[in-house]
Amino acid sequence: MAIIQFPKDMKWGVATASYQIEGAVNEGGRGPSIWDTFSKTPGKIVNGDNGDVACDSYHRYEEDIQLMKELGINFYRFSVAWPRIFPEGTGEVNREGLDFYHRFVDTLIENGIEPMCTLYHWDLPQALQDKGGWDNRETIDAFVNYAEVMFKEFKGKIKHWITFNEPWCVSFLSNYVGAHAPGYQDLQLAVNVSHHLLVAHGKTVIKFRELGLEGQIGYAPNVEWNEPYSDNQEDIDACRRAGGFFIEWFFDPVFKGSYPQFMIDIFEKNGAVLKMQDGDLEVISQPIDFIGINYYTGSVGRYAEGKSIFDHERVDTGYLKTDIGWNIYPEGFYKVLKYISEQYGNIPIYITENGSCYNDEPINGVVKDEGRINYLQQHLVSLQRSMESGVNIKGYTSWSLLDNFEWAEGYTMRFGLVHVNYRTLERTKKESYYWYKQVIENHFFEV
């Protein structure tokens, strides 16, 4: 057997998101978000599920933090619900919302767990959506104002900040594919939103620097790996286009100060024009301290004219799949980390999400989720390979601590290390929880 060893200063964590776990949507002065609206729209969510209760972590956070403490994590990546801070998106601050997060963060720190805060994990205040949402540049200023309040409130407590989680999902999945809130299918709108998110990110970084705060700031894009089906140049180019949708479009402006021309051309060919104001790219390309990478899956692809706006199709080459139907592709994890490091330099990387969906239920109080253990093991091997190859990995975050509201899939898909009974809200540690606990304690495992 081989030992896969990690450095002793490697940081280990778990992650969640506010709308997926908190519940209490009408408590503590919280205003409605686009996900409250979307989940109450018939036909949008499997089984008509919503996040009204979710895991009830708003009331049970102390229990959940004890689960984290026993797990032994160094940091916890969570997100703040913007509508808890500004119920209308702007205007008067909701003190009750801030006080909740103070209690929560204080309890994390008391238990030796470092908070890593995501400012935006998709729950835009509905009041701002009613004014055009991220298509309206006024939302950029509202976000920076919200971020400034958070920075000042939690100065000295929170030292790792993430501006946006998965801007591809916020823009294209939500406004072009239409699978997530607010559910539009308009490529021009999605391109507009993607740009405005990056401007908001840059302006937030500028504000963070102006305030002279201790700590670090970055963002957390989601990435996939598209492996060419063959060495034919058409297949290679098709996979580059499909990959550019996730990587170059959201990385180049931040790290190179420009959008990739090949992506601009694709969007224009399909009727969507990138609209910028003077100075936008300078704002977007502010230096950041780290990048968060969310990786779950990848695929083999090839050229297929007209199959998508990228003339690209996926080819099922027989990879095993998780219960949500995503390929298990750990080799892609290694390859995408190497690619990002080669393209954008030696910036510190936190894996801010990596995990798998297995819908195992407790049997006599035990959840034997061997599939998840295998997934974690395979992806941690790929992560260690990337580190040996020079990728600057600082930490790894498993998604997720808890089974939770899985967006459009409702409560039908389970990603947690801890099982949640959605009827009783009882938490049950899965076998993967205990496996990950050993990795954290030892900084190695055997394969």
Protein backbone atom coordinates (compact mmCIF):
# COMPACT_ATOMS: atom_id res chain seq x y z
CA MET A 1 0.00 0.00 0.00
CA ALA A 2 1.11 3.55 -0.72
CA ILE A 3 0.93 6.39 1.80
CA ILE A 4 -0.51 9.68 0.56
CA GLN A 5 1.09 12.31 2.83
CA PHE A 6 0.06 15.94 3.23
CA PRO A 7 2.13 18.70 4.85
CA LYS A 8 1.50 19.38 8.52
CA ASP A 9 0.41 22.97 7.80
CA MET A 10 -2.31 21.81 5.39
CA LYS A 11 -5.68 23.20 6.46
CA TRP A 12 -8.81 21.05 6.40
CA GLY A 13 -12.38 22.24 6.38
CA VAL A 14 -16.01 21.67 5.48
CA ALA A 15 -18.47 23.99 3.75
CA THR A 16 -22.15 24.91 3.68
CA ALA A 17 -24.31 27.74 2.32
CA SER A 18 -26.89 29.85 4.11
CA TYR A 19 -30.02 29.07 2.12
CA GLN A 20 -29.19 25.37 2.02
CA ILE A 21 -28.97 24.87 5.78
CA GLU A 22 -30.27 27.80 7.84
CA GLY A 23 -34.05 27.66 7.46
CA ALA A 24 -35.82 30.29 9.60
CA VAL A 25 -36.59 32.27 6.45
CA ASN A 26 -39.12 34.48 8.24
CA GLU A 27 -37.20 34.91 11.50
CA GLY A 28 -34.68 37.40 12.78
CA GLY A 29 -35.76 40.17 10.45
CA ARG A 30 -34.65 38.32 7.32
CA GLY A 31 -36.13 39.50 4.05
CA PRO A 32 -37.02 37.24 1.10
CA SER A 33 -34.37 36.16 -1.38
CA ILE A 34 -34.62 35.07 -5.00
CA TRP A 35 -34.40 31.47 -3.80
CA ASP A 36 -37.48 31.91 -1.60
CA THR A 37 -39.32 33.12 -4.69
CA PHE A 38 -37.88 30.52 -7.08
CA SER A 39 -38.48 27.56 -4.76
CA LYS A 40 -42.12 28.59 -4.32
CA THR A 41 -42.62 28.70 -8.11
CA PRO A 42 -44.39 25.49 -9.24
CA GLY A 43 -42.22 23.12 -11.25
CA LYS A 44 -38.86 24.68 -10.42
CA ILE A 45 -37.74 22.39 -7.56
CA VAL A 46 -38.04 18.59 -7.31
CA ASN A 47 -41.05 17.69 -5.14
CA GLY A 48 -41.83 21.37 -4.65
CA ASP A 49 -39.20 21.52 -1.89
CA ASN A 50 -37.92 24.79 -0.42
CA GLY A 51 -35.46 26.10 2.16
CA ASP A 52 -37.99 27.31 4.72
CA VAL A 53 -36.66 24.86 7.32
CA ALA A 54 -33.74 23.14 5.54
CA CYS A 55 -31.45 21.77 8.30
CA ASP A 56 -32.70 24.38 10.79
CA SER A 57 -29.10 25.39 11.44
CA TYR A 58 -30.27 28.88 12.38
CA HIS A 59 -31.46 27.30 15.62
CA ARG A 60 -29.11 24.31 15.73
CA TYR A 61 -25.77 25.92 14.89
CA GLU A 62 -24.26 25.03 18.27
CA GLU A 63 -24.97 21.34 17.64
CA ASP A 64 -23.49 21.65 14.15
CA ILE A 65 -20.36 23.37 15.46
CA GLN A 66 -19.85 20.48 17.89
CA LEU A 67 -19.97 18.13 14.92
CA MET A 68 -17.24 20.24 13.30
CA LYS A 69 -15.15 20.30 16.47
CA GLU A 70 -15.27 16.52 16.79
CA LEU A 71 -14.38 16.20 13.12
CA GLY A 72 -11.25 18.21 13.86
CA ILE A 73 -11.43 20.76 11.04
CA ASN A 74 -9.24 23.87 11.02
CA PHE A 75 -11.73 26.11 9.24
CA TYR A 76 -15.39 26.27 8.29
CA ARG A 77 -16.52 27.85 5.06
CA PHE A 78 -20.02 29.27 5.44
CA SER A 79 -22.02 31.96 3.71
CA VAL A 80 -23.97 34.91 5.03
CA ALA A 81 -27.53 35.46 3.88
CA TRP A 82 -27.51 38.98 2.45
CA PRO A 83 -31.27 39.34 3.22
CA ARG A 84 -30.51 38.79 6.92
CA ILE A 85 -28.25 41.85 6.89
CA PHE A 86 -30.24 44.04 4.50
CA PRO A 87 -33.80 42.68 4.14
CA GLU A 88 -34.35 45.05 1.20
CA GLY A 89 -30.82 44.68 -0.16
CA THR A 90 -29.98 48.27 0.80
CA GLY A 91 -31.15 50.80 3.34
CA GLU A 92 -31.29 50.07 7.05
CA VAL A 93 -29.08 47.36 8.50
CA ASN A 94 -30.90 44.55 10.32
CA ARG A 95 -29.08 44.41 13.64
CA GLU A 96 -30.73 41.12 14.55
CA GLY A 97 -29.15 39.47 11.52
CA LEU A 98 -25.69 40.76 12.37
CA ASP A 99 -26.10 39.63 15.96
CA PHE A 100 -26.95 36.10 14.81
CA TYR A 101 -23.74 35.86 12.77
CA HIS A 102 -21.73 37.33 15.64
CA ARG A 103 -23.00 34.59 17.95
CA PHE A 104 -22.29 32.02 15.28
CA VAL A 105 -18.75 33.25 14.50
CA ASP A 106 -17.91 33.66 18.19
CA THR A 107 -18.95 30.05 18.83
CA LEU A 108 -16.75 28.85 15.95
CA ILE A 109 -13.75 30.73 17.33
CA GLU A 110 -14.39 29.50 20.89
CA ASN A 111 -14.21 25.96 19.49
CA GLY A 112 -10.93 26.55 17.69
CA ILE A 113 -12.44 26.72 14.21
CA GLU A 114 -11.44 29.52 11.85
CA PRO A 115 -14.36 31.12 9.99
CA MET A 116 -14.07 31.49 6.20
CA CYS A 117 -16.94 33.68 5.04
CA THR A 118 -18.56 33.69 1.61
CA LEU A 119 -20.41 36.95 1.11
CA TYR A 120 -22.57 35.74 -1.78
CA HIS A 121 -23.75 32.16 -2.15
CA TRP A 122 -26.69 32.95 -4.41
CA ASP A 123 -29.37 34.38 -2.07
CA LEU A 124 -29.85 37.81 -3.62
CA PRO A 125 -32.48 39.90 -1.80
CA GLN A 126 -35.69 39.71 -3.83
CA ALA A 127 -36.12 43.48 -3.51
CA LEU A 128 -32.98 43.94 -5.63
CA GLN A 129 -34.12 41.36 -8.17
CA ASP A 130 -37.33 43.36 -8.52
CA LYS A 131 -35.13 46.27 -9.68
CA GLY A 132 -33.29 44.15 -12.27
CA GLY A 133 -31.02 42.07 -10.06
CA TRP A 134 -27.46 41.60 -11.28
CA ASP A 135 -28.41 43.03 -14.68
CA ASN A 136 -28.69 46.39 -12.92
CA ARG A 137 -25.35 47.98 -12.09
CA GLU A 138 -26.90 49.51 -8.96
CA THR A 139 -26.77 46.00 -7.48
CA ILE A 140 -22.97 46.23 -7.66
CA ASP A 141 -22.99 49.22 -5.33
CA ALA A 142 -25.52 47.54 -3.03
CA PHE A 143 -23.24 44.52 -2.76
CA VAL A 144 -20.15 46.59 -1.97
CA ASN A 145 -22.11 48.41 0.72
CA TYR A 146 -23.22 45.09 2.23
CA ALA A 147 -19.64 43.79 2.08
CA GLU A 148 -18.32 46.92 3.80
CA VAL A 149 -20.78 46.45 6.66
CA MET A 150 -19.62 42.86 7.06
CA PHE A 151 -15.93 43.79 6.90
CA LYS A 152 -16.31 46.43 9.61
CA GLU A 153 -18.53 44.28 11.84
CA PHE A 154 -16.30 41.23 11.77
CA LYS A 155 -12.93 42.95 11.71
CA GLY A 156 -10.47 40.77 13.61
CA LYS A 157 -12.86 37.82 13.75
CA ILE A 158 -13.11 36.74 10.11
CA LYS A 159 -9.78 36.76 8.27
CA HIS A 160 -10.65 34.84 5.11
CA TRP A 161 -13.29 36.33 2.84
CA ILE A 162 -14.76 35.03 -0.43
CA THR A 163 -16.69 37.53 -2.53
CA PHE A 164 -18.68 35.21 -4.83
CA ASN A 165 -19.36 31.51 -4.95
CA GLU A 166 -19.48 30.03 -8.44
CA PRO A 167 -20.12 33.09 -10.61
CA TRP A 168 -20.78 30.74 -13.57
CA CYS A 169 -23.81 29.37 -11.73
CA VAL A 170 -25.00 32.84 -10.73
CA SER A 171 -24.81 34.06 -14.32
CA PHE A 172 -25.13 31.28 -16.89
CA LEU A 173 -26.84 28.45 -15.00
CA SER A 174 -29.34 30.90 -13.53
CA ASN A 175 -29.94 33.28 -16.45
CA TYR A 176 -29.10 31.26 -19.59
CA VAL A 177 -29.80 27.63 -18.72
CA GLY A 178 -32.52 28.76 -16.32
CA ALA A 179 -32.07 25.91 -13.83
CA HIS A 180 -31.43 28.15 -10.82
CA ALA A 181 -32.94 31.36 -9.47
CA PRO A 182 -34.09 33.65 -10.98
CA GLY A 183 -34.59 31.14 -13.81
CA TYR A 184 -34.20 33.12 -17.04
CA GLN A 185 -33.00 31.77 -20.40
CA ASP A 186 -31.31 34.73 -22.05
CA LEU A 187 -27.67 34.58 -23.13
CA GLN A 188 -27.27 38.37 -23.29
CA LEU A 189 -28.64 38.68 -19.76
CA ALA A 190 -26.26 35.98 -18.53
CA VAL A 191 -23.25 37.71 -20.11
CA ASN A 192 -24.31 41.00 -18.51
CA VAL A 193 -24.65 39.35 -15.12
CA SER A 194 -21.29 37.59 -15.39
CA HIS A 195 -19.56 40.90 -16.04
CA HIS A 196 -21.37 42.76 -13.28
CA LEU A 197 -20.47 40.03 -10.79
CA LEU A 198 -16.80 40.41 -11.63
CA VAL A 199 -17.02 44.21 -11.32
CA ALA A 200 -18.70 43.76 -7.92
CA HIS A 201 -15.92 41.36 -6.94
CA GLY A 202 -13.23 43.87 -7.92
CA LYS A 203 -14.90 46.80 -6.17
CA THR A 204 -15.26 44.68 -3.04
CA VAL A 205 -11.55 43.83 -3.10
CA ILE A 206 -10.77 47.55 -3.45
CA LYS A 207 -13.01 48.31 -0.45
CA PHE A 208 -11.33 45.57 1.59
CA ARG A 209 -7.90 47.10 0.85
CA GLU A 210 -9.12 50.64 1.61
CA LEU A 211 -10.27 49.54 5.05
CA GLY A 212 -6.81 48.17 5.81
CA LEU A 213 -8.20 44.95 7.26
CA GLU A 214 -6.16 42.07 8.55
CA GLY A 215 -6.85 38.99 6.48
CA GLN A 216 -7.19 37.74 2.93
CA ILE A 217 -9.79 37.97 0.18
CA GLY A 218 -10.51 35.95 -2.94
CA TYR A 219 -13.35 34.37 -4.92
CA ALA A 220 -14.51 30.80 -5.59
CA PRO A 221 -15.25 29.83 -9.21
CA ASN A 222 -16.50 26.35 -10.09
CA VAL A 223 -14.46 24.47 -12.68
CA GLU A 224 -14.71 21.28 -14.69
CA TRP A 225 -12.20 19.46 -16.84
CA ASN A 226 -12.98 18.74 -20.49
CA GLU A 227 -10.69 16.04 -21.86
CA PRO A 228 -10.47 15.85 -25.68
CA TYR A 229 -11.89 12.62 -27.10
CA SER A 230 -8.99 12.41 -29.51
CA ASP A 231 -5.86 14.26 -30.61
CA ASN A 232 -7.78 15.78 -33.50
CA GLN A 233 -7.44 19.56 -33.37
CA GLU A 234 -11.21 19.95 -33.72
CA ASP A 235 -11.75 17.95 -30.50
CA ILE A 236 -9.02 19.85 -28.67
CA ASP A 237 -10.48 23.20 -29.72
CA ALA A 238 -14.02 22.15 -28.80
CA CYS A 239 -12.92 21.21 -25.30
CA ARG A 240 -11.03 24.48 -24.94
CA ARG A 241 -14.21 26.37 -25.81
CA ALA A 242 -16.30 24.33 -23.39
CA GLY A 243 -13.69 24.79 -20.67
CA GLY A 244 -13.42 28.50 -21.37
CA PHE A 245 -17.06 28.85 -20.31
CA PHE A 246 -15.98 27.99 -16.75
CA ILE A 247 -12.31 28.92 -16.57
CA GLU A 248 -11.04 31.59 -18.96
CA TRP A 249 -14.22 33.70 -18.88
CA PHE A 250 -14.03 34.06 -15.09
CA PHE A 251 -10.24 33.88 -14.61
CA ASP A 252 -8.74 35.96 -17.42
CA PRO A 253 -10.36 39.27 -16.38
CA VAL A 254 -9.21 38.80 -12.77
CA PHE A 255 -5.66 37.62 -13.47
CA LYS A 256 -4.91 39.03 -16.92
CA GLY A 257 -7.08 42.14 -17.06
CA SER A 258 -8.92 41.11 -20.22
CA TYR A 259 -11.65 38.78 -21.39
CA PRO A 260 -10.66 35.88 -23.68
CA GLN A 261 -11.31 36.90 -27.27
CA PHE A 262 -12.38 33.41 -28.34
CA MET A 263 -15.21 33.52 -25.77
CA ILE A 264 -16.25 37.04 -26.77
CA ASP A 265 -16.45 35.79 -30.38
CA ILE A 266 -18.61 32.79 -29.41
CA PHE A 267 -21.05 34.95 -27.47
CA GLU A 268 -21.25 37.55 -30.26
CA LYS A 269 -21.88 34.80 -32.83
CA ASN A 270 -24.86 33.82 -30.67
CA GLY A 271 -26.20 37.35 -30.28
CA ALA A 272 -24.69 38.35 -26.94
CA VAL A 273 -22.33 41.33 -26.72
CA LEU A 274 -20.02 42.04 -23.78
CA LYS A 275 -20.93 45.52 -22.50
CA MET A 276 -18.31 47.28 -20.39
CA GLN A 277 -17.76 50.71 -18.94
CA ASP A 278 -14.40 52.50 -18.89
CA GLY A 279 -12.26 51.24 -16.03
CA ASP A 280 -14.19 48.00 -15.47
CA LEU A 281 -11.26 45.74 -16.31
CA GLU A 282 -8.93 47.70 -14.05
CA VAL A 283 -11.42 47.20 -11.22
CA ILE A 284 -11.89 43.48 -11.91
CA SER A 285 -8.16 42.75 -12.05
CA GLN A 286 -7.35 43.91 -8.52
CA PRO A 287 -4.80 41.52 -6.97
CA ILE A 288 -6.39 38.92 -4.70
CA ASP A 289 -4.80 36.84 -1.94
CA PHE A 290 -6.08 33.39 -2.89
CA ILE A 291 -8.47 31.65 -5.21
CA GLY A 292 -11.10 29.14 -4.16
CA ILE A 293 -11.66 26.20 -6.49
CA ASN A 294 -14.89 24.19 -6.54
CA TYR A 295 -14.50 20.91 -8.39
CA TYR A 296 -16.90 17.98 -8.65
CA THR A 297 -16.68 16.42 -12.08
CA GLY A 298 -15.45 16.49 -15.64
CA SER A 299 -15.96 14.68 -18.90
CA VAL A 300 -14.56 13.64 -22.26
CA GLY A 301 -15.74 15.83 -25.12
CA ARG A 302 -15.42 16.23 -28.85
CA TYR A 303 -16.33 18.49 -31.72
CA ALA A 304 -19.99 18.36 -32.70
CA GLU A 305 -21.22 21.18 -34.90
CA GLY A 306 -24.35 22.82 -33.54
CA LYS A 307 -24.56 20.65 -30.41
CA SER A 308 -24.10 23.75 -28.24
CA ILE A 309 -22.87 27.28 -28.73
CA PHE A 310 -19.40 25.73 -28.37
CA ASP A 311 -19.87 23.05 -31.07
CA HIS A 312 -19.00 20.55 -28.35
CA GLU A 313 -20.61 17.40 -27.01
CA ARG A 314 -19.81 15.18 -24.05
CA VAL A 315 -19.07 11.53 -24.73
CA ASP A 316 -19.92 8.97 -22.07
CA THR A 317 -16.80 6.82 -21.96
CA GLY A 318 -17.98 4.73 -19.03
CA TYR A 319 -16.94 6.66 -15.95
CA LEU A 320 -18.74 5.65 -12.78
CA LYS A 321 -21.24 8.25 -11.61
CA THR A 322 -22.45 9.55 -8.29
CA ASP A 323 -26.15 9.43 -7.42
CA ILE A 324 -26.74 12.85 -8.98
CA GLY A 325 -25.40 11.49 -12.28
CA TRP A 326 -22.05 13.30 -12.36
CA ASN A 327 -18.93 11.52 -13.62
CA ILE A 328 -16.38 10.49 -11.00
CA TYR A 329 -13.29 11.97 -12.63
CA PRO A 330 -10.42 12.49 -10.16
CA GLU A 331 -7.89 12.70 -12.97
CA GLY A 332 -9.70 15.85 -14.08
CA PHE A 333 -9.15 17.37 -10.62
CA TYR A 334 -5.38 16.98 -11.03
CA LYS A 335 -5.45 18.26 -14.60
CA VAL A 336 -7.58 21.33 -13.92
CA LEU A 337 -5.45 22.37 -10.94
CA LYS A 338 -2.30 22.01 -13.03
CA TYR A 339 -3.90 23.99 -15.86
CA ILE A 340 -5.00 26.85 -13.60
CA SER A 341 -1.56 27.03 -11.99
CA GLU A 342 0.17 27.09 -15.36
CA GLN A 343 -2.19 29.70 -16.82
CA TYR A 344 -2.52 32.07 -13.88
CA GLY A 345 0.59 31.66 -11.77
CA ASN A 346 1.45 30.43 -8.31
CA ILE A 347 -1.46 32.03 -6.47
CA PRO A 348 -2.45 30.22 -3.25
CA ILE A 349 -5.41 27.90 -3.80
CA TYR A 350 -8.00 26.65 -1.36
CA ILE A 351 -10.21 23.84 -2.56
CA THR A 352 -13.44 25.47 -1.39
CA GLU A 353 -15.76 22.65 -2.50
CA ASN A 354 -15.22 19.04 -3.43
CA GLY A 355 -17.63 16.25 -2.68
CA SER A 356 -20.09 13.70 -3.95
CA CYS A 357 -23.76 12.75 -3.86
CA TYR A 358 -24.65 9.39 -2.38
CA ASN A 359 -28.14 8.90 -1.00
CA ASP A 360 -27.34 6.27 1.62
CA GLU A 361 -29.74 6.08 4.56
CA PRO A 362 -29.02 4.99 8.15
CA ILE A 363 -29.33 1.28 8.90
CA ASN A 364 -29.34 0.61 12.64
CA GLY A 365 -27.89 4.07 13.16
CA VAL A 366 -25.01 3.58 10.71
CA VAL A 367 -24.64 5.25 7.30
CA LYS A 368 -22.26 3.17 5.19
CA ASP A 369 -21.45 5.62 2.41
CA GLU A 370 -18.52 3.75 0.90
CA GLY A 371 -19.00 5.55 -2.41
CA ARG A 372 -18.29 8.88 -0.76
CA ILE A 373 -15.19 7.54 0.99
CA ASN A 374 -13.88 6.23 -2.33
CA TYR A 375 -14.62 9.56 -4.01
CA LEU A 376 -12.81 11.52 -1.29
CA GLN A 377 -9.85 9.17 -1.37
CA GLN A 378 -9.48 9.36 -5.15
CA HIS A 379 -9.74 13.15 -5.20
CA LEU A 380 -7.33 13.64 -2.33
CA VAL A 381 -4.80 11.50 -4.23
CA SER A 382 -5.24 13.85 -7.20
CA LEU A 383 -4.90 16.85 -4.90
CA GLN A 384 -1.66 15.54 -3.43
CA ARG A 385 -0.40 14.80 -6.95
CA SER A 386 -1.03 18.42 -7.88
CA MET A 387 0.85 19.61 -4.79
CA GLU A 388 3.81 17.37 -5.64
CA SER A 389 3.69 18.93 -9.10
CA GLY A 390 4.03 22.43 -7.68
CA VAL A 391 0.42 23.65 -7.37
CA ASN A 392 0.19 26.00 -4.37
CA ILE A 393 -2.56 24.29 -2.35
CA LYS A 394 -3.22 25.77 1.10
CA GLY A 395 -6.34 23.93 2.18
CA TYR A 396 -9.07 21.46 1.29
CA THR A 397 -12.79 21.82 1.97
CA SER A 398 -15.22 18.94 1.77
CA TRP A 399 -18.73 19.68 0.54
CA SER A 400 -20.71 19.38 2.65
CA LEU A 401 -20.87 19.10 6.42
CA LEU A 402 -24.59 18.28 6.28
CA ASP A 403 -27.06 16.85 3.84
CA ASN A 404 -29.07 19.91 2.83
CA PHE A 405 -31.35 21.65 0.34
CA GLU A 406 -29.65 20.80 -2.94
CA TRP A 407 -31.04 23.72 -4.95
CA ALA A 408 -33.17 22.55 -7.90
CA GLU A 409 -32.89 18.94 -6.68
CA GLY A 410 -34.55 19.84 -3.38
CA TYR A 411 -33.95 17.24 -0.67
CA THR A 412 -33.49 14.31 -3.05
CA MET A 413 -29.68 14.53 -3.29
CA ARG A 414 -27.35 14.11 -0.29
CA PHE A 415 -23.80 15.51 -0.25
CA GLY A 416 -23.17 15.58 3.51
CA LEU A 417 -20.64 13.89 5.77
CA VAL A 418 -23.51 13.99 8.27
CA HIS A 419 -26.93 12.55 7.43
CA VAL A 420 -29.94 14.76 8.18
CA ASN A 421 -33.38 13.28 8.74
CA TYR A 422 -35.49 16.03 7.19
CA ARG A 423 -38.55 15.01 9.22
CA THR A 424 -36.93 14.98 12.67
CA LEU A 425 -33.75 16.99 11.79
CA GLU A 426 -31.67 14.37 13.60
CA ARG A 427 -27.99 14.37 12.60
CA THR A 428 -26.16 11.05 12.07
CA LYS A 429 -22.43 10.92 11.32
CA LYS A 430 -21.69 8.88 8.22
CA GLU A 431 -18.77 6.52 7.78
CA SER A 432 -17.21 9.17 5.51
CA TYR A 433 -17.23 11.59 8.46
CA TYR A 434 -15.05 9.19 10.45
CA TRP A 435 -12.77 8.54 7.47
CA TYR A 436 -12.22 12.26 6.90
CA LYS A 437 -11.63 12.76 10.64
CA GLN A 438 -8.72 10.29 10.45
CA VAL A 439 -7.23 12.09 7.45
CA ILE A 440 -7.40 15.40 9.31
CA GLU A 441 -5.79 13.93 12.43
CA ASN A 442 -3.00 12.11 10.59
CA HIS A 443 -2.40 14.25 7.47
CA PHE A 444 -2.10 11.03 5.50
CA PHE A 445 -4.01 7.97 4.38
CA GLU A 446 -3.17 4.69 2.67
CA VAL A 447 -4.23 3.57 -0.78
